[in-house]
Protein backbone atom coordinates (compact mmCIF):
# COMPACT_ATOMS: atom_id res chain seq x y z
CA UNK A 1 36.84 -9.77 79.45
CA UNK A 2 35.48 -7.53 76.55
CA UNK A 3 36.80 -3.81 75.97
CA UNK A 4 33.35 -2.54 77.00
CA UNK A 5 33.28 -4.33 80.42
CA UNK A 6 36.91 -2.93 80.84
CA UNK A 7 35.50 0.56 80.18
CA UNK A 8 32.47 0.04 82.53
CA UNK A 9 34.61 -1.07 85.38
CA UNK A 10 37.10 1.70 84.93
CA UNK A 11 34.15 4.15 85.03
CA UNK A 12 32.75 2.70 88.32
CA UNK A 13 36.31 3.00 90.05
CA UNK A 14 36.67 6.47 88.99
CA UNK A 15 33.27 7.31 90.41
CA UNK A 16 33.79 5.53 93.79
CA UNK A 17 37.06 7.36 94.21
CA UNK A 18 35.10 10.76 93.32
CA UNK A 19 32.83 9.76 96.04
CA UNK A 20 35.25 8.97 98.72
CA UNK A 21 36.96 12.26 98.16
CA UNK A 22 33.52 13.94 98.87
CA UNK A 23 33.06 12.25 102.02
CA UNK A 24 36.73 13.44 103.26
CA UNK A 25 35.89 17.00 102.65
CA UNK A 26 35.89 18.93 105.46
CA UNK A 27 33.18 21.40 104.17
CA UNK A 28 29.99 20.71 105.67
CA UNK A 29 26.67 20.41 103.50
CA UNK A 30 23.62 22.19 104.84
CA UNK A 31 20.50 19.55 105.28
CA UNK A 32 18.20 21.92 103.33
CA UNK A 33 20.53 22.25 100.30
CA UNK A 34 21.03 18.47 100.41
CA UNK A 35 17.41 17.81 100.31
CA UNK A 36 16.89 20.23 97.37
CA UNK A 37 19.52 18.51 95.48
CA UNK A 38 18.16 15.04 96.10
CA UNK A 39 14.81 16.20 94.95
CA UNK A 40 16.10 17.63 91.77
CA UNK A 41 17.88 14.41 91.07
CA UNK A 42 14.77 12.31 91.57
CA UNK A 43 12.83 14.58 88.84
CA UNK A 44 15.67 14.30 86.48
CA UNK A 45 15.59 10.62 87.18
CA UNK A 46 11.81 10.48 86.15
CA UNK A 47 12.32 12.80 83.04
CA UNK A 48 15.21 10.38 82.06
CA UNK A 49 12.97 7.38 82.49
CA UNK A 50 10.07 8.91 80.45
CA UNK A 51 12.30 9.92 77.48
CA UNK A 52 13.99 6.45 77.73
CA UNK A 53 10.39 4.95 77.03
CA UNK A 54 9.55 7.26 74.22
CA UNK A 55 12.87 6.26 72.65
CA UNK A 56 12.23 2.72 73.03
CA UNK A 57 8.75 3.23 71.62
CA UNK A 58 9.81 5.21 68.58
CA UNK A 59 12.72 2.61 67.95
CA UNK A 60 10.13 -0.11 68.01
CA UNK A 61 7.70 1.81 65.54
CA UNK A 62 10.71 2.29 63.10
CA UNK A 63 11.65 -1.51 63.45
CA UNK A 64 8.21 -2.09 62.46
CA UNK A 65 8.05 0.31 59.70
CA UNK A 66 11.28 -0.99 58.31
CA UNK A 67 9.85 -4.64 58.49
CA UNK A 68 6.59 -3.54 56.70
CA UNK A 69 8.56 -1.83 53.95
CA UNK A 70 10.94 -4.78 53.44
CA UNK A 71 7.97 -7.17 53.24
CA UNK A 72 6.21 -4.39 50.71
CA UNK A 73 9.52 -4.31 48.78
CA UNK A 74 9.92 -8.18 48.64
CA UNK A 75 6.41 -9.06 47.93
CA UNK A 76 5.48 -6.17 45.68
CA UNK A 77 3.87 -7.49 42.31
CA UNK A 78 6.40 -5.72 40.32
CA UNK A 79 10.10 -5.90 40.19
CA UNK A 80 11.98 -3.48 42.26
CA UNK A 81 15.80 -2.91 42.30
CA UNK A 82 17.71 -0.41 44.15
CA UNK A 83 20.82 0.73 42.13
CA UNK A 84 23.56 2.91 43.41
CA UNK A 85 25.18 5.87 41.40
CA UNK A 86 27.61 3.58 39.66
CA UNK A 87 24.84 1.26 38.28
CA UNK A 88 25.48 -1.82 40.51
CA UNK A 89 22.51 -3.58 42.04
CA UNK A 90 22.22 -3.04 45.82
CA UNK A 91 19.28 -4.90 46.57
CA UNK A 92 16.50 -6.50 44.71
CA UNK A 93 12.89 -8.11 45.57
CA UNK A 94 11.36 -11.43 44.88
CA UNK A 95 9.90 -10.57 41.53
CA UNK A 96 12.94 -8.94 40.15
CA UNK A 97 14.90 -12.12 41.23
CA UNK A 98 12.40 -14.25 39.26
CA UNK A 99 12.67 -11.84 36.44
CA UNK A 100 16.42 -12.22 36.02
CA UNK A 101 16.53 -15.97 37.11
CA UNK A 102 18.75 -15.18 40.09
CA UNK A 103 18.53 -15.14 43.65
CA UNK A 104 19.23 -11.89 45.90
CA UNK A 105 22.83 -12.58 46.73
CA UNK A 106 23.66 -13.44 43.00
CA UNK A 107 21.99 -10.12 41.85
CA UNK A 108 23.56 -7.91 44.54
CA UNK A 109 26.81 -6.03 43.27
CA UNK A 110 26.36 -6.83 39.52
CA UNK A 111 26.29 -3.97 37.12
CA UNK A 112 22.63 -3.49 35.95
CA UNK A 113 23.80 -2.80 32.29
CA UNK A 114 25.09 -6.36 31.74
CA UNK A 115 21.38 -7.57 31.39
CA UNK A 116 20.56 -5.06 28.85
CA UNK A 117 20.91 -5.47 24.95
CA UNK A 118 23.89 -3.62 23.57
CA UNK A 119 21.55 -1.52 21.40
CA UNK A 120 19.75 -0.10 24.27
CA UNK A 121 22.43 0.66 26.51
CA UNK A 122 23.07 4.21 25.12
CA UNK A 123 19.52 4.97 26.34
CA UNK A 124 19.91 3.28 29.88
CA UNK A 125 23.05 5.27 30.37
CA UNK A 126 21.43 8.35 29.49
CA UNK A 127 18.21 7.39 31.86
CA UNK A 128 20.41 6.91 34.93
CA UNK A 129 22.43 9.88 34.21
CA UNK A 130 19.24 11.99 34.12
CA UNK A 131 17.77 10.25 37.54
CA UNK A 132 20.85 11.11 39.49
CA UNK A 133 21.43 14.53 37.97
CA UNK A 134 17.80 15.99 38.04
CA UNK A 135 16.66 13.98 41.00
CA UNK A 136 13.21 13.52 39.33
CA UNK A 137 11.39 10.50 38.19
CA UNK A 138 12.34 9.33 34.78
CA UNK A 139 11.35 6.38 32.57
CA UNK A 140 12.86 4.36 29.56
CA UNK A 141 12.42 1.20 27.77
CA UNK A 142 15.24 -1.64 27.48
CA UNK A 143 15.55 -4.85 25.95
CA UNK A 144 16.85 -7.36 28.61
CA UNK A 145 18.90 -10.66 27.63
CA UNK A 146 19.62 -13.35 29.92
CA UNK A 147 22.38 -15.63 29.95
CA UNK A 148 20.19 -18.56 29.27
CA UNK A 149 18.97 -16.73 26.14
CA UNK A 150 15.52 -15.42 27.52
CA UNK A 151 14.68 -11.98 26.13
CA UNK A 152 11.97 -9.64 27.31
CA UNK A 153 11.38 -5.92 27.08
CA UNK A 154 11.08 -3.89 30.25
CA UNK A 155 9.88 -0.59 31.19
CA UNK A 156 12.23 1.33 33.97
CA UNK A 157 10.82 3.74 36.37
CA UNK A 158 13.38 5.43 38.48
CA UNK A 159 13.57 7.85 41.16
CA UNK A 160 16.51 8.91 43.49
CA UNK A 161 16.11 7.99 47.16
CA UNK A 162 16.28 10.90 49.27
CA UNK A 163 18.58 9.69 52.11
CA UNK A 164 22.32 9.48 51.28
CA UNK A 165 25.37 11.35 50.53
CA UNK A 166 25.69 12.91 47.22
CA UNK A 167 28.42 10.56 46.07
CA UNK A 168 26.62 7.54 47.70
CA UNK A 169 23.35 8.14 46.25
CA UNK A 170 20.87 5.38 45.14
CA UNK A 171 17.98 5.13 43.31
CA UNK A 172 14.66 2.91 43.35
CA UNK A 173 13.86 1.33 40.02
CA UNK A 174 10.52 -0.21 39.08
CA UNK A 175 10.96 -2.93 36.12
CA UNK A 176 7.59 -3.74 34.45
CA UNK A 177 7.61 -6.45 31.72
CA UNK A 178 6.03 -4.76 28.35
CA UNK A 179 7.01 -7.64 26.02
CA UNK A 180 3.13 -8.54 25.37
CA UNK A 181 2.78 -4.64 24.57
CA UNK A 182 5.59 -4.60 22.36
CA UNK A 183 4.34 -7.50 20.47
CA UNK A 184 0.99 -6.30 20.00
CA UNK A 185 2.54 -2.86 18.54
CA UNK A 186 4.53 -5.05 16.21
CA UNK A 187 1.47 -6.77 15.10
CA UNK A 188 -0.52 -3.91 14.68
CA UNK A 189 2.49 -2.03 12.70
CA UNK A 190 2.16 -5.33 10.43
CA UNK A 191 -1.38 -5.02 9.94
CA UNK A 192 -1.29 -1.23 9.36
CA UNK A 193 1.71 -1.79 6.56
CA UNK A 194 -0.39 -4.69 5.17
CA UNK A 195 -3.37 -2.36 5.04
CA UNK A 196 -1.38 0.34 3.26
CA UNK A 197 0.25 -2.15 0.92
CA UNK A 198 -3.20 -3.38 0.11
CA UNK A 199 -4.57 0.00 -0.43
CA UNK A 200 -1.68 0.77 -2.84
CA UNK A 201 -2.20 -2.35 -4.87
CA UNK A 202 -5.70 -1.31 -5.11
CA UNK A 203 -5.10 2.32 -6.16
CA UNK A 204 -2.69 1.09 -8.67
CA UNK A 205 -5.24 -1.49 -10.15
CA UNK A 206 -7.93 1.35 -10.19
CA UNK A 207 -5.71 3.60 -11.96
CA UNK A 208 -5.01 1.20 -14.72
CA UNK A 209 -8.62 0.15 -14.88
CA UNK A 210 -9.48 4.12 -14.93
CA UNK A 211 -7.31 4.59 -18.16
CA UNK A 212 -8.66 1.57 -19.97
CA UNK A 213 -12.18 1.93 -19.31
CA UNK A 214 -12.33 5.65 -19.63
CA UNK A 215 -11.22 5.41 -23.24
CA UNK A 216 -14.46 4.02 -24.60
CA UNK A 217 -16.34 6.02 -22.31
CA UNK A 218 -14.83 8.99 -24.15
CA UNK A 219 -15.48 7.71 -27.55
CA UNK A 220 -19.07 7.14 -26.89
CA UNK A 221 -19.47 10.68 -24.94
CA UNK A 222 -17.72 12.32 -28.14
CA UNK A 223 -19.83 10.25 -30.68
CA UNK A 224 -23.05 11.03 -28.74
CA UNK A 225 -22.39 14.81 -28.42
CA UNK A 226 -21.59 14.60 -32.13
CA UNK A 227 -25.01 13.20 -32.97
CA UNK A 228 -26.70 15.61 -30.99
CA UNK A 229 -25.27 18.35 -33.31
CA UNK A 230 -25.87 16.32 -36.52
CA UNK A 231 -29.31 14.91 -36.11
CA UNK A 232 -32.35 17.31 -36.81
CA UNK A 233 -35.33 15.22 -36.15
CA UNK A 234 -37.04 15.24 -32.66
CA UNK A 235 -37.40 11.63 -32.26
CA UNK A 236 -33.61 10.76 -33.01
CA UNK A 237 -32.63 13.46 -30.85
CA UNK A 238 -34.51 12.31 -27.95
CA UNK A 239 -32.93 8.87 -28.10
CA UNK A 240 -29.43 10.61 -28.37
CA UNK A 241 -30.27 12.69 -25.40
CA UNK A 242 -31.16 9.41 -23.30
CA UNK A 243 -28.10 7.69 -24.48
CA UNK A 244 -26.40 10.93 -23.27
CA UNK A 245 -28.11 10.77 -19.90
CA UNK A 246 -27.16 6.92 -19.55
CA UNK A 247 -23.56 7.71 -20.29
CA UNK A 248 -23.37 10.49 -17.80
CA UNK A 249 -25.09 8.22 -15.08
CA UNK A 250 -22.29 5.33 -16.23
CA UNK A 251 -19.44 7.70 -16.02
CA UNK A 252 -20.53 8.80 -12.53
CA UNK A 253 -21.00 5.37 -11.29
CA UNK A 254 -17.91 4.24 -12.85
CA UNK A 255 -16.40 7.43 -10.70
CA UNK A 256 -17.97 6.24 -7.46
CA UNK A 257 -16.32 2.82 -7.77
CA UNK A 258 -12.94 4.28 -8.51
CA UNK A 259 -13.32 6.87 -5.55
CA UNK A 260 -14.36 4.31 -3.03
CA UNK A 261 -10.64 3.88 -1.75
CA UNK A 262 -10.53 7.82 -1.83
CA UNK A 263 -13.71 7.99 0.46
CA UNK A 264 -12.31 5.49 2.83
CA UNK A 265 -9.15 7.47 3.25
CA UNK A 266 -10.98 11.00 3.43
CA UNK A 267 -8.91 12.41 0.53
CA UNK A 268 -12.06 13.62 -1.41
CA UNK A 269 -13.17 17.27 -0.88
CA UNK A 270 -16.28 18.40 -2.01
CA UNK A 271 -16.41 20.93 -4.96
CA UNK A 272 -19.29 23.42 -4.44
CA UNK A 273 -21.11 24.27 -7.57
CA UNK A 274 -24.38 26.34 -8.38
CA UNK A 275 -26.81 24.06 -10.30
CA UNK A 276 -30.50 23.33 -10.57
CA UNK A 277 -32.29 20.58 -8.64
CA UNK A 278 -33.98 19.41 -12.08
CA UNK A 279 -30.62 18.87 -13.58
CA UNK A 280 -30.24 16.02 -11.24
CA UNK A 281 -33.87 15.01 -11.46
CA UNK A 282 -34.24 14.57 -14.91
CA UNK A 283 -31.01 12.36 -15.24
CA UNK A 284 -32.43 10.24 -12.42
CA UNK A 285 -35.96 10.04 -14.55
CA UNK A 286 -33.98 9.13 -17.69
CA UNK A 287 -31.80 6.43 -16.33
CA UNK A 288 -34.35 4.63 -13.98
CA UNK A 289 -37.76 5.01 -15.82
CA UNK A 290 -36.93 2.12 -18.36
CA UNK A 291 -35.70 -0.13 -15.16
CA UNK A 292 -39.17 0.74 -13.46
CA UNK A 293 -41.09 -0.01 -16.68
CA UNK A 294 -39.68 -3.36 -16.91
CA UNK A 295 -40.64 -4.00 -13.40
CA UNK A 296 -44.07 -2.57 -13.97
CA UNK A 297 -43.46 0.14 -11.21
CA UNK A 298 -44.92 3.60 -11.31
CA UNK A 299 -41.83 6.11 -11.11
CA UNK A 300 -42.68 9.52 -10.22
CA UNK A 301 -40.12 11.98 -10.34
CA UNK A 302 -41.06 15.55 -9.24
CA UNK A 303 -39.98 18.78 -11.09
CA UNK A 304 -38.05 21.16 -9.09
CA UNK A 305 -36.58 24.71 -10.52
CA UNK A 306 -34.69 25.30 -7.23
CA UNK A 307 -31.16 26.18 -7.42
CA UNK A 308 -28.53 24.65 -5.05
CA UNK A 309 -24.90 25.33 -3.69
CA UNK A 310 -23.53 21.88 -3.34
CA UNK A 311 -21.37 19.32 -5.08
CA UNK A 312 -23.59 18.16 -7.88
CA UNK A 313 -21.53 14.71 -8.47
CA UNK A 314 -21.56 13.68 -4.70
CA UNK A 315 -25.24 14.77 -4.36
CA UNK A 316 -26.10 12.74 -7.47
CA UNK A 317 -24.33 9.84 -6.40
CA UNK A 318 -26.39 9.73 -3.25
CA UNK A 319 -29.68 10.04 -4.94
CA UNK A 320 -28.49 7.45 -7.76
CA UNK A 321 -27.96 5.10 -4.93
CA UNK A 322 -31.24 5.53 -3.08
CA UNK A 323 -33.41 5.61 -6.36
CA UNK A 324 -31.65 2.29 -7.27
CA UNK A 325 -32.22 0.60 -3.94
CA UNK A 326 -35.77 1.69 -4.19
CA UNK A 327 -36.35 0.15 -7.43
CA UNK A 328 -34.39 -2.91 -6.55
CA UNK A 329 -36.47 -3.78 -3.37
CA UNK A 330 -39.87 -2.88 -4.74
CA UNK A 331 -41.59 -5.59 -6.39
CA UNK A 332 -45.19 -3.75 -7.02
CA UNK A 333 -46.34 -0.27 -6.55
CA UNK A 334 -44.78 2.93 -6.86
CA UNK A 335 -41.57 4.96 -6.42
CA UNK A 336 -41.66 8.55 -5.73
CA UNK A 337 -38.63 10.95 -5.94
CA UNK A 338 -39.88 14.28 -4.46
CA UNK A 339 -38.51 17.67 -2.89
CA UNK A 340 -39.68 19.91 -0.32
CA UNK A 341 -38.44 23.13 1.03
CA UNK A 342 -36.95 23.09 4.79
CA UNK A 343 -36.00 26.81 5.61
CA UNK A 344 -32.68 27.02 3.77
CA UNK A 345 -32.53 23.60 2.38
CA UNK A 346 -33.97 21.44 -0.15
CA UNK A 347 -34.69 17.89 1.08
CA UNK A 348 -34.76 15.17 -1.69
CA UNK A 349 -37.11 12.34 -0.59
CA UNK A 350 -37.30 8.96 -2.15
CA UNK A 351 -40.41 7.05 -1.30
CA UNK A 352 -41.22 3.23 -2.25
CA UNK A 353 -43.87 0.74 -1.46
CA UNK A 354 -41.30 -2.19 -1.01
CA UNK A 355 -40.31 -4.42 1.47
CA UNK A 356 -39.54 -2.03 4.39
CA UNK A 357 -36.67 -2.31 6.81
CA UNK A 358 -36.80 -3.82 10.24
CA UNK A 359 -36.30 -0.94 12.78
CA UNK A 360 -33.48 -2.92 14.53
CA UNK A 361 -31.45 -2.64 11.02
CA UNK A 362 -32.01 0.87 10.21
CA UNK A 363 -28.54 1.66 10.90
CA UNK A 364 -26.63 -1.58 9.92
CA UNK A 365 -28.10 -0.97 6.17
CA UNK A 366 -25.25 1.75 6.06
CA UNK A 367 -22.49 -0.68 6.66
CA UNK A 368 -20.31 -1.98 3.99
CA UNK A 369 -21.49 -5.08 2.44
CA UNK A 370 -24.54 -5.26 4.62
CA UNK A 371 -27.88 -6.30 2.77
CA UNK A 372 -31.27 -6.93 3.50
CA UNK A 373 -33.17 -10.26 2.49
CA UNK A 374 -30.01 -11.61 0.49
CA UNK A 375 -28.48 -14.30 2.58
CA UNK A 376 -27.30 -16.21 -0.56
CA UNK A 377 -25.19 -13.03 -1.62
CA UNK A 378 -27.01 -12.92 -5.11
CA UNK A 379 -24.70 -10.19 -6.74
CA UNK A 380 -27.76 -9.64 -9.09
CA UNK A 381 -29.05 -7.58 -6.04
CA UNK A 382 -26.10 -5.62 -5.75
CA UNK A 383 -22.86 -5.77 -3.44
CA UNK A 384 -24.09 -3.89 -0.54
CA UNK A 385 -21.77 -0.83 -1.17
CA UNK A 386 -24.44 1.47 -2.40
CA UNK A 387 -25.72 2.83 0.85
CA UNK A 388 -22.29 3.00 2.41
CA UNK A 389 -21.04 5.14 -0.01
CA UNK A 390 -24.02 7.22 -0.18
CA UNK A 391 -23.58 7.55 3.77
CA UNK A 392 -19.88 8.24 3.42
CA UNK A 393 -20.72 10.86 0.47
CA UNK A 394 -23.39 12.40 2.81
CA UNK A 395 -21.00 13.02 5.63
CA UNK A 396 -18.60 14.74 3.19
CA UNK A 397 -21.51 17.51 2.22
CA UNK A 398 -22.21 17.67 6.06
CA UNK A 399 -25.11 16.01 5.88
CA UNK A 400 -26.70 12.78 7.00
CA UNK A 401 -29.31 10.39 5.39
CA UNK A 402 -32.42 9.80 7.27
CA UNK A 403 -34.54 6.96 7.03
CA UNK A 404 -38.02 5.94 7.80
CA UNK A 405 -39.73 2.59 7.38
CA UNK A 406 -42.97 0.79 7.79
CA UNK A 407 -44.52 -2.65 6.92
CA UNK A 408 -44.82 -1.76 3.13
CA UNK A 409 -42.57 0.80 2.33
CA UNK A 410 -39.52 3.13 3.13
CA UNK A 411 -38.49 6.94 2.67
CA UNK A 412 -34.98 8.05 2.58
CA UNK A 413 -34.14 11.73 2.50
CA UNK A 414 -31.01 14.09 2.17
CA UNK A 415 -30.97 18.03 2.32
CA UNK A 416 -28.94 20.08 0.05
CA UNK A 417 -28.43 24.21 0.75
CA UNK A 418 -30.49 26.27 -1.30
CA UNK A 419 -29.30 29.35 -2.92
CA UNK A 420 -30.85 32.80 -4.65
CA UNK A 421 -32.59 31.69 -7.95
CA UNK A 422 -31.87 34.95 -9.68
CA UNK A 423 -28.32 35.15 -9.22
CA UNK A 424 -28.07 31.44 -10.29
CA UNK A 425 -29.85 32.40 -13.29
CA UNK A 426 -27.38 35.20 -14.40
CA UNK A 427 -24.61 32.68 -13.87
CA UNK A 428 -26.02 30.03 -15.96
CA UNK A 429 -26.71 32.32 -18.83
CA UNK A 430 -23.43 33.41 -18.75
CA UNK A 431 -21.78 30.05 -18.73
CA UNK A 432 -24.30 29.07 -21.59
CA UNK A 433 -23.23 31.86 -23.70
CA UNK A 434 -19.56 31.04 -23.37
CA UNK A 435 -20.19 27.23 -24.16
CA UNK A 436 -21.87 28.11 -27.38
CA UNK A 437 -19.27 30.77 -28.65
CA UNK A 438 -17.91 29.50 -31.94
CA UNK A 439 -14.96 30.76 -33.62
CA UNK A 440 -14.73 29.37 -37.16
CA UNK A 441 -11.15 30.98 -37.42
CA UNK A 442 -9.64 28.98 -34.52
CA UNK A 443 -7.44 26.27 -35.78
CA UNK A 444 -6.91 23.22 -33.52
CA UNK A 445 -4.21 20.52 -33.24
CA UNK A 446 -5.55 17.25 -31.54
CA UNK A 447 -3.13 14.54 -30.35
CA UNK A 448 -4.39 11.10 -29.05
CA UNK A 449 -3.00 7.64 -29.82
CA UNK A 450 -6.88 6.02 -29.79
CA UNK A 451 -8.00 6.37 -33.35
CA UNK A 452 -11.78 6.36 -32.41
CA UNK A 453 -11.35 9.21 -29.84
CA UNK A 454 -9.24 11.00 -32.35
CA UNK A 455 -11.43 10.88 -35.21
CA UNK A 456 -14.67 11.50 -33.19
CA UNK A 457 -13.00 14.69 -31.49
CA UNK A 458 -12.05 16.14 -34.99
CA UNK A 459 -15.67 15.60 -36.31
CA UNK A 460 -16.96 17.15 -33.10
CA UNK A 461 -14.91 20.11 -33.13
CA UNK A 462 -15.28 20.57 -36.54
CA UNK A 463 -19.17 20.92 -35.98
CA UNK A 464 -18.43 23.93 -33.77
CA UNK A 465 -16.77 25.61 -36.54
CA UNK A 466 -13.24 24.94 -35.61
CA UNK A 467 -10.25 24.11 -38.14
CA UNK A 468 -9.08 20.75 -36.93
CA UNK A 469 -5.87 18.68 -37.66
CA UNK A 470 -5.54 15.22 -35.67
CA UNK A 471 -2.42 13.14 -35.25
CA UNK A 472 -1.56 10.01 -33.10
CA UNK A 473 1.62 10.82 -31.81
CA UNK A 474 4.02 13.57 -30.77
CA UNK A 475 6.51 12.74 -33.55
CA UNK A 476 3.88 13.13 -36.32
CA UNK A 477 2.64 16.42 -34.41
CA UNK A 478 5.99 18.10 -34.59
CA UNK A 479 6.26 17.11 -38.47
CA UNK A 480 2.66 18.64 -39.10
CA UNK A 481 3.74 21.89 -37.53
CA UNK A 482 7.02 21.99 -39.31
CA UNK A 483 5.45 21.32 -42.80
CA UNK A 484 2.09 23.03 -42.53
CA UNK A 485 2.19 26.57 -43.98
CA UNK A 486 -0.55 27.91 -41.59
CA UNK A 487 -0.25 28.30 -37.84
CA UNK A 488 -2.20 26.49 -35.10
CA UNK A 489 -4.02 28.59 -32.23
CA UNK A 490 -4.88 25.60 -29.70
CA UNK A 491 -3.24 22.27 -28.71
CA UNK A 492 -5.56 19.42 -27.38
CA UNK A 493 -3.37 16.64 -26.31
CA UNK A 494 -3.58 13.18 -24.46
CA UNK A 495 -1.41 13.08 -21.43
CA UNK A 496 -0.19 9.45 -22.35
CA UNK A 497 1.11 9.29 -25.75
CA UNK A 498 3.24 6.57 -27.48
CA UNK A 499 6.80 5.58 -26.74
CA UNK A 500 6.68 6.91 -23.26
CA UNK A 501 5.90 10.24 -24.24
CA UNK A 502 3.67 12.62 -22.29
CA UNK A 503 1.45 15.58 -23.38
CA UNK A 504 3.22 18.04 -21.25
CA UNK A 505 6.68 17.13 -23.01
CA UNK A 506 5.01 17.25 -26.42
CA UNK A 507 3.58 20.85 -25.79
CA UNK A 508 6.75 22.09 -24.19
CA UNK A 509 8.36 20.77 -27.66
CA UNK A 510 5.70 22.34 -29.71
CA UNK A 511 6.13 25.81 -28.18
CA UNK A 512 9.78 25.58 -28.35
CA UNK A 513 9.25 24.85 -32.31
CA UNK A 514 6.75 27.79 -32.77
CA UNK A 515 8.58 30.26 -30.59
CA UNK A 516 5.56 31.35 -28.52
CA UNK A 517 3.30 29.87 -25.61
CA UNK A 518 0.52 28.42 -27.82
CA UNK A 519 -2.59 27.66 -25.66
CA UNK A 520 -2.99 23.98 -24.86
CA UNK A 521 -4.82 21.75 -22.43
CA UNK A 522 -4.65 18.09 -21.72
CA UNK A 523 -7.02 15.32 -21.42
CA UNK A 524 -6.41 11.80 -19.60
CA UNK A 525 -8.11 8.76 -18.63
CA UNK A 526 -5.55 8.31 -15.73
CA UNK A 527 -6.84 8.53 -12.13
CA UNK A 528 -3.70 9.63 -10.43
CA UNK A 529 -2.29 12.15 -12.87
CA UNK A 530 -4.25 15.09 -11.39
CA UNK A 531 -2.16 14.52 -8.53
CA UNK A 532 1.10 14.88 -10.34
CA UNK A 533 3.57 17.72 -9.19
CA UNK A 534 4.61 17.65 -12.92
CA UNK A 535 1.03 18.64 -13.92
CA UNK A 536 0.99 21.26 -11.32
CA UNK A 537 4.33 22.77 -12.45
CA UNK A 538 3.34 23.03 -16.15
CA UNK A 539 0.51 25.19 -15.56
CA UNK A 540 -1.75 23.28 -18.05
CA UNK A 541 -5.40 22.89 -17.82
CA UNK A 542 -6.15 18.99 -17.29
CA UNK A 543 -9.52 17.62 -17.92
CA UNK A 544 -10.53 13.65 -17.10
CA UNK A 545 -11.94 11.64 -19.60
CA UNK A 546 -14.91 11.33 -20.63
CA UNK A 547 -14.97 15.08 -21.52
CA UNK A 548 -18.33 16.37 -22.82
CA UNK A 549 -18.34 18.52 -25.92
CA UNK A 550 -19.65 21.63 -24.54
CA UNK A 551 -17.17 21.40 -21.46
CA UNK A 552 -14.33 20.94 -23.79
CA UNK A 553 -15.51 23.79 -25.97
CA UNK A 554 -16.03 26.07 -22.73
CA UNK A 555 -12.25 25.26 -21.52
CA UNK A 556 -11.06 26.05 -25.15
CA UNK A 557 -12.69 29.44 -25.06
CA UNK A 558 -11.83 30.15 -21.54
CA UNK A 559 -8.13 29.65 -22.05
CA UNK A 560 -8.02 31.48 -25.36
CA UNK A 561 -9.70 34.36 -23.40
């Protein structure tokens, strides 16, 4: 007989004894009181029965909810673990069993950290410490390593369960396999690094090309400026002016190619200047009239004296690309470069009677390397970068290139801000006077290791009335300063000199030798020098080759005050 049966039997024995004692009691019970007590007992009996039924119903509902929770827990599409405050696994669902390659019995009681790679355990311990202390949802990422060598990355989402005593709390941890996500992150990181490496290599190449190609451009520009000052007859001057315009265009186009990577990275910022629209239009006319004549096209370039406030280099690059494309894709007829006022803007319009652009391709033509009617990729028709560069340049100016087209022709347009004419005229006159200031008493020392550039600069600056001495190295420059009885008034030095010396170092040495801060400026053919902290710290003016004569003379006068 069980203990429960024994207790029930004893309880019944005591009840029967009490009943017998009541019967032997000599005190008589009134019938009315007895009936009332019977009624009260019957009411209590009914109440207890109803309460018992409610309790049974609630118990059944709780059991149903528990079963449903158990099913949801077990068959959830994500891994679930219940972990106590010591880090042991109390319960696991089917997917977590599958993830850890163990059944529920094998997982129960195991410390969860044993599955976590050592380098991630510090993060795991911090995670659970915060979960149990702060009692709010926490997440972390860990690397899981299993005994069979399986490795995967998991994201843990943990929250403390509300029931349980403080020292017996448990947390519910959701486990998500994020291995694919991590792999994609690695692939993306490697791709970004490869792109950065490629951009760095490209920048290094462009810097080297810049220095080598700017040298002959500087020589040609200097000789062209010298011829302008030496020649007297109008016909020869016209030819030299055409040559100068072509050199300017070639320099600008060269700079455009070098700046493609900067446009892509967004590192170029517009330099707003005041200038006349005709300055750009005349250059376009001189540059493209011979090409138009070769194709027997009628090129008309409007005359426009309006003053603009814009970046002239970026704006010219845009117009140059648009005119170049118009002539390239027009076999007969004409090309018109015109202007019209649009409130506070001047709109440049390039019209042609060419092949036209299909409506469904008028956006695509601004994509890199996209070309119409060139399936064979004939490079004589360009590389397909012109309009892409023009579109990026326009965006830098806060503008957008508009295009209209029909069966036998197209029109591209770009706007530029207008500025007050009289104000511009005064500014231009002032600059013009500065540029033509000649001081025959000023003595220049020029240092450049390129013999053609050196002698061209000597002849050119002598034509401005300067007394000029030139040398090819810093060593020779110091020797000349020490030997010459006369003092120099100004130093012009190339940045990169023989034997690894820089113009900054040379000018510093010359100033120490002379005992005073002689005015000086640097010229360079290197692309990245302008970004050098050394240049910024030196306080020296830096000009990029090719430098025109008037610009060079202007800066000399400006620095000397």
